[in-house]
Amino acid sequence: MNSTQVMNKSEVIALATDGSAYTDGAVQETIFLAQSCGAKIVVLNVIPIDSGSATAIHSSAAKMRQATKEYMENIRKLADDNGLACEIIFEESYQPDKTIVELAYKHNADVLIMGRHGKQGLLKLLVGSMTSKVIGHGFPKVLVVPSETTSGGEKILLAVDGSEISEAAADEIIGMGVHCSNLKEVYALSVASSESRLEQAQALADAACTKGQEQAPSVKFHSLALVGKPSADIIAKTAAEKEVDMILVGGHGKGLSKLLMGHVTEKVIGRAHCAVLVIEKKKDARDAPEGSK
């Protein structure tokens, strides 16, 4: 089974892809998740356009659309072969990251899935990359998937920092434990910046485990508290050592400067060996980006 099968209540899954091989993992995750919950797939191919003459803009967009057409049709065929509803949307935008989020809201997506890198093939996720910008808009659930990933969905690492959004991430994982028999173990990790804060970090991790064990008794929770900097490296390293299938982290509001513990969420995504699910507080319709209602 696949790690994303734990999110078995999803009814609409938005997949943002630029048609490159870097999103192959995201495509596979989307198909698996849609199979597990009978969800509809909405494929978003948002083409970035630069300022210029209208003729030049539309000519460039047409070429890009043609270049990705075969890739999109392959996704449609995968969906058809698995009996899944699939809608493919081509859009042109001066601000593609914002448009991706607006379209995800417009189509009532429960989760937005993206590849870790775009066509640039960056070795690390950098500020300004498409994935990073999309996360900065604060969509409730964004699953970022490496280009090549196979996972069993049995072990997840939860990053805990005591914030409200961290609590939301903890509640998400409890919901997974309640609704998915495949989830077996959760590692709740709190990273302290110094030895003097280790006791507080341990208390946060313990509290997350206690709550999780009470509400999802079929899942085994492990409490972890470590000291060190940068915390993103510790989170990614621990995830690899524990061989987890997915990392769950919280993100904060709009703008990358407001992400969990500074740029930790962004850096975790760039360093993780596995998929990373970024959780935000659910927004009311009035909180969605303008143009998405």
Protein backbone atom coordinates (compact mmCIF):
# COMPACT_ATOMS: atom_id res chain seq x y z
CA MET A 1 0.00 0.00 0.00
CA ASN A 2 0.96 3.61 -0.37
CA SER A 3 1.54 6.17 2.36
CA THR A 4 -1.16 8.53 1.20
CA GLN A 5 -3.83 5.86 1.64
CA VAL A 6 -4.06 7.03 5.25
CA MET A 7 -5.96 10.09 4.03
CA ASN A 8 -8.94 7.95 3.16
CA LYS A 9 -11.60 10.63 3.54
CA SER A 10 -10.47 12.66 0.53
CA GLU A 11 -13.16 13.11 -2.12
CA VAL A 12 -11.30 15.43 -4.49
CA ILE A 13 -7.54 15.34 -5.04
CA ALA A 14 -5.79 18.15 -6.85
CA LEU A 15 -2.54 17.22 -8.59
CA ALA A 16 -0.34 20.10 -9.71
CA THR A 17 2.14 19.01 -12.37
CA ASP A 18 4.30 20.73 -14.96
CA GLY A 19 4.51 17.56 -17.05
CA SER A 20 8.10 16.78 -16.09
CA ALA A 21 9.57 13.55 -14.71
CA TYR A 22 10.07 15.34 -11.39
CA THR A 23 6.34 14.94 -10.73
CA ASP A 24 6.19 11.20 -11.54
CA GLY A 25 6.13 10.32 -7.83
CA ALA A 26 3.30 12.79 -7.23
CA VAL A 27 1.31 11.23 -10.06
CA GLN A 28 1.68 7.74 -8.59
CA GLU A 29 0.75 8.95 -5.10
CA THR A 30 -2.35 10.62 -6.53
CA ILE A 31 -3.50 7.47 -8.30
CA PHE A 32 -2.97 5.34 -5.18
CA LEU A 33 -4.79 7.80 -2.92
CA ALA A 34 -7.69 8.17 -5.35
CA GLN A 35 -7.97 4.36 -5.55
CA SER A 36 -8.11 4.02 -1.78
CA CYS A 37 -10.92 6.50 -1.28
CA GLY A 38 -12.68 6.62 -4.66
CA ALA A 39 -11.77 10.26 -5.08
CA LYS A 40 -11.97 12.39 -8.18
CA ILE A 41 -8.65 13.64 -9.56
CA VAL A 42 -8.27 17.21 -10.81
CA VAL A 43 -5.00 17.66 -12.68
CA LEU A 44 -3.73 21.24 -12.72
CA ASN A 45 -1.24 22.28 -15.38
CA VAL A 46 -0.70 25.99 -14.79
CA ILE A 47 1.59 27.53 -17.36
CA PRO A 48 3.66 30.51 -16.19
CA ILE A 49 3.64 33.45 -18.57
CA ASP A 50 5.84 36.52 -18.59
CA SER A 51 4.83 40.02 -19.51
CA GLY A 52 5.00 40.74 -23.21
CA SER A 53 2.80 41.11 -26.25
CA ALA A 54 -0.43 39.15 -26.24
CA THR A 55 0.62 37.26 -29.36
CA ALA A 56 3.95 36.22 -27.88
CA ILE A 57 2.33 35.19 -24.59
CA HIS A 58 -0.29 32.95 -26.18
CA SER A 59 2.23 31.46 -28.60
CA SER A 60 4.55 30.50 -25.74
CA ALA A 61 1.71 29.08 -23.66
CA ALA A 62 0.46 27.03 -26.62
CA LYS A 63 3.90 25.50 -27.09
CA MET A 64 4.15 24.61 -23.40
CA ARG A 65 0.68 23.08 -23.42
CA GLN A 66 1.54 20.96 -26.45
CA ALA A 67 4.75 19.80 -24.77
CA THR A 68 2.85 18.52 -21.71
CA LYS A 69 -0.18 17.15 -23.55
CA GLU A 70 1.14 13.59 -23.81
CA TYR A 71 2.06 13.56 -20.12
CA MET A 72 -1.44 14.72 -19.16
CA GLU A 73 -3.08 12.14 -21.39
CA ASN A 74 -1.02 9.43 -19.71
CA ILE A 75 -2.39 10.58 -16.35
CA ARG A 76 -5.91 10.46 -17.76
CA LYS A 77 -5.28 6.92 -19.04
CA LEU A 78 -3.98 5.82 -15.63
CA ALA A 79 -7.12 7.21 -14.05
CA ASP A 80 -9.39 5.57 -16.64
CA ASP A 81 -7.64 2.21 -16.22
CA ASN A 82 -8.35 2.40 -12.51
CA GLY A 83 -11.95 3.52 -12.90
CA LEU A 84 -11.23 6.99 -11.50
CA ALA A 85 -12.86 10.26 -12.50
CA CYS A 86 -10.25 12.66 -13.84
CA GLU A 87 -10.45 16.25 -15.02
CA ILE A 88 -7.48 17.99 -16.61
CA ILE A 89 -7.24 21.76 -16.44
CA PHE A 90 -4.84 23.91 -18.44
CA GLU A 91 -4.43 27.45 -17.20
CA GLU A 92 -2.14 30.37 -18.03
CA SER A 93 -1.05 32.66 -15.24
CA TYR A 94 1.35 35.48 -14.41
CA GLN A 95 1.40 34.07 -10.85
CA PRO A 96 1.08 30.28 -11.24
CA ASP A 97 1.57 29.45 -7.54
CA LYS A 98 -1.45 31.57 -6.59
CA THR A 99 -3.50 30.16 -9.47
CA ILE A 100 -2.75 26.57 -8.42
CA VAL A 101 -4.09 27.27 -4.92
CA GLU A 102 -7.12 29.15 -6.25
CA LEU A 103 -8.00 26.23 -8.55
CA ALA A 104 -7.58 23.74 -5.70
CA TYR A 105 -10.06 25.77 -3.63
CA LYS A 106 -12.40 26.22 -6.59
CA HIS A 107 -12.63 22.47 -7.13
CA ASN A 108 -13.04 21.76 -3.39
CA ALA A 109 -9.88 19.69 -3.21
CA ASP A 110 -9.21 17.97 0.12
CA VAL A 111 -5.49 17.71 -0.56
CA LEU A 112 -3.11 19.28 -3.08
CA ILE A 113 -0.31 17.00 -4.30
CA MET A 114 2.88 18.31 -5.89
CA GLY A 115 6.31 17.04 -6.89
CA ARG A 116 9.27 18.25 -4.89
CA HIS A 117 10.98 19.86 -7.86
CA GLY A 118 9.90 21.42 -11.12
CA LYS A 119 11.66 21.34 -14.46
CA GLN A 120 14.60 23.23 -12.97
CA GLY A 121 15.66 20.03 -11.25
CA LEU A 122 16.95 21.80 -8.13
CA LEU A 123 19.01 19.67 -5.78
CA LYS A 124 17.40 21.42 -2.82
CA LEU A 125 14.08 23.15 -2.44
CA LEU A 126 14.88 26.85 -2.59
CA VAL A 127 12.88 29.93 -1.63
CA GLY A 128 11.14 31.05 -4.79
CA SER A 129 10.60 27.56 -6.21
CA MET A 130 7.06 26.72 -7.29
CA THR A 131 6.44 24.16 -4.56
CA SER A 132 7.75 26.52 -1.91
CA LYS A 133 5.56 29.38 -3.11
CA VAL A 134 2.44 27.21 -3.19
CA ILE A 135 3.02 26.07 0.39
CA GLY A 136 3.41 29.70 1.40
CA HIS A 137 -0.24 30.34 0.44
CA GLY A 138 -1.37 28.09 3.30
CA PHE A 139 -3.58 25.52 1.57
CA PRO A 140 -4.90 23.15 4.32
CA LYS A 141 -3.12 20.00 3.09
CA VAL A 142 -0.20 19.95 0.67
CA LEU A 143 1.54 16.64 0.05
CA VAL A 144 5.01 17.03 -1.48
CA VAL A 145 6.40 13.91 -3.11
CA PRO A 146 9.93 13.11 -4.34
CA SER A 147 10.15 12.01 -7.98
CA GLU A 148 10.84 8.41 -7.01
CA THR A 149 9.13 7.11 -3.90
CA THR A 150 7.66 3.83 -2.77
CA SER A 151 6.19 3.66 0.70
CA GLY A 152 4.14 1.33 2.84
CA GLY A 153 2.19 3.86 4.88
CA GLU A 154 2.94 2.06 8.14
CA LYS A 155 5.26 4.61 9.81
CA ILE A 156 4.95 8.40 10.02
CA LEU A 157 7.06 11.02 11.77
CA LEU A 158 5.19 13.95 13.32
CA ALA A 159 7.16 17.15 13.95
CA VAL A 160 5.94 18.79 17.16
CA ASP A 161 6.72 22.36 18.30
CA GLY A 162 3.83 23.25 20.61
CA SER A 163 2.19 25.69 18.20
CA GLU A 164 -1.50 25.73 17.27
CA ILE A 165 -0.74 24.45 13.79
CA SER A 166 1.42 21.69 15.26
CA GLU A 167 -1.67 20.64 17.23
CA ALA A 168 -3.62 20.55 13.97
CA ALA A 169 -0.97 18.27 12.47
CA ALA A 170 -1.22 16.00 15.53
CA ASP A 171 -5.02 15.85 15.14
CA GLU A 172 -4.55 14.94 11.48
CA ILE A 173 -2.35 12.00 12.35
CA ILE A 174 -4.81 10.83 15.00
CA GLY A 175 -7.51 10.86 12.33
CA MET A 176 -5.24 8.75 10.16
CA GLY A 177 -4.78 6.28 12.99
CA VAL A 178 -8.53 6.03 13.55
CA HIS A 179 -9.47 5.58 9.90
CA CYS A 180 -6.54 3.64 8.46
CA SER A 181 -5.66 0.14 9.62
CA ASN A 182 -2.45 0.33 7.60
CA LEU A 183 -0.86 2.93 9.93
CA LYS A 184 1.13 1.09 12.61
CA GLU A 185 3.63 3.51 14.16
CA VAL A 186 4.00 7.24 14.74
CA TYR A 187 7.16 8.98 15.94
CA ALA A 188 6.38 12.31 17.62
CA LEU A 189 9.59 14.34 17.44
CA SER A 190 10.28 17.65 19.20
CA VAL A 191 13.63 19.33 18.55
CA ALA A 192 15.11 21.57 21.26
CA SER A 193 17.57 24.31 20.32
CA SER A 194 19.53 23.78 23.56
CA GLU A 195 19.88 21.36 26.47
CA SER A 196 17.98 23.79 28.69
CA ARG A 197 14.89 23.34 26.50
CA LEU A 198 15.09 19.58 26.18
CA GLU A 199 12.70 18.92 29.06
CA GLN A 200 10.08 21.18 27.46
CA ALA A 201 10.58 19.44 24.10
CA GLN A 202 10.17 16.04 25.74
CA ALA A 203 6.93 17.19 27.38
CA LEU A 204 5.54 18.29 24.00
CA ALA A 205 6.41 14.97 22.36
CA ASP A 206 5.00 13.03 25.33
CA ALA A 207 1.74 14.99 25.24
CA ALA A 208 1.29 14.30 21.52
CA CYS A 209 1.87 10.59 22.10
CA THR A 210 -0.48 10.40 25.09
CA LYS A 211 -3.29 12.06 23.15
CA GLY A 212 -2.63 9.91 20.10
CA GLN A 213 -2.51 6.66 22.06
CA GLU A 214 -5.79 7.47 23.79
CA GLN A 215 -7.66 8.30 20.59
CA ALA A 216 -5.98 5.88 18.18
CA PRO A 217 -5.11 2.86 20.36
CA SER A 218 -4.31 0.60 17.41
CA VAL A 219 -1.28 2.76 16.54
CA LYS A 220 1.97 2.62 18.50
CA PHE A 221 3.25 6.10 19.39
CA HIS A 222 6.92 6.81 20.17
CA SER A 223 8.02 10.00 21.91
CA LEU A 224 11.32 11.55 20.76
CA ALA A 225 13.07 14.70 21.97
CA LEU A 226 16.45 15.70 20.53
CA VAL A 227 18.77 18.68 20.86
CA GLY A 228 20.43 20.34 17.91
CA LYS A 229 20.48 22.77 15.03
CA PRO A 230 19.33 23.06 12.35
CA SER A 231 16.16 21.28 13.36
CA ALA A 232 15.26 20.50 9.73
CA ASP A 233 18.33 18.31 9.42
CA ILE A 234 17.46 16.49 12.64
CA ILE A 235 13.88 15.90 11.47
CA ALA A 236 15.00 14.59 8.08
CA LYS A 237 17.78 12.45 9.57
CA THR A 238 15.48 10.94 12.19
CA ALA A 239 12.87 10.18 9.52
CA ALA A 240 15.49 8.31 7.51
CA GLU A 241 16.81 6.43 10.55
CA LYS A 242 13.32 5.34 11.55
CA GLU A 243 12.52 4.51 7.90
CA VAL A 244 9.22 6.36 8.00
CA ASP A 245 7.01 6.60 4.94
CA MET A 246 5.95 10.19 5.46
CA ILE A 247 6.73 13.26 7.54
CA LEU A 248 3.90 15.40 8.91
CA VAL A 249 4.68 19.05 9.64
CA GLY A 250 2.69 22.22 10.20
CA GLY A 251 2.99 25.33 8.10
CA HIS A 252 2.15 28.87 9.18
CA GLY A 253 -0.07 31.26 7.17
CA LYS A 254 0.96 33.12 4.07
CA GLY A 255 4.56 33.86 3.27
CA LEU A 256 7.54 31.58 3.69
CA SER A 257 8.87 33.63 6.60
CA LYS A 258 5.90 32.36 8.63
CA LEU A 259 6.47 28.66 8.07
CA LEU A 260 7.00 26.33 11.02
CA MET A 261 10.01 27.42 13.06
CA GLY A 262 11.24 29.80 10.36
CA HIS A 263 12.09 27.89 7.21
CA VAL A 264 12.08 24.46 8.82
CA THR A 265 9.11 23.14 6.84
CA GLU A 266 10.66 24.19 3.57
CA LYS A 267 14.03 22.72 4.48
CA VAL A 268 12.52 19.46 5.68
CA ILE A 269 10.86 19.04 2.30
CA GLY A 270 14.17 19.59 0.53
CA ARG A 271 16.05 17.10 2.69
CA ALA A 272 13.49 14.36 3.30
CA HIS A 273 13.84 10.95 1.69
CA CYS A 274 10.06 10.53 1.71
CA ALA A 275 6.84 12.41 1.09
CA VAL A 276 6.06 15.38 3.37
CA LEU A 277 2.51 16.38 4.28
CA VAL A 278 2.22 20.05 5.26
CA ILE A 279 -0.84 20.79 7.38
CA GLU A 280 -2.48 24.20 7.77
CA LYS A 281 -5.53 25.23 9.74
CA LYS A 282 -8.68 24.74 7.70
CA LYS A 283 -9.97 27.96 6.24
CA ASP A 284 -13.52 29.17 5.84
CA ALA A 285 -14.63 29.99 2.30
CA ARG A 286 -14.12 33.66 3.07
CA ASP A 287 -10.45 32.97 3.86
CA ALA A 288 -9.66 31.39 0.50
CA PRO A 289 -7.63 33.45 -1.98
CA GLU A 290 -9.54 36.04 -3.97
CA GLY A 291 -10.85 34.56 -7.18
CA SER A 292 -11.12 31.01 -5.78
CA LYS A 293 -14.61 31.31 -4.36
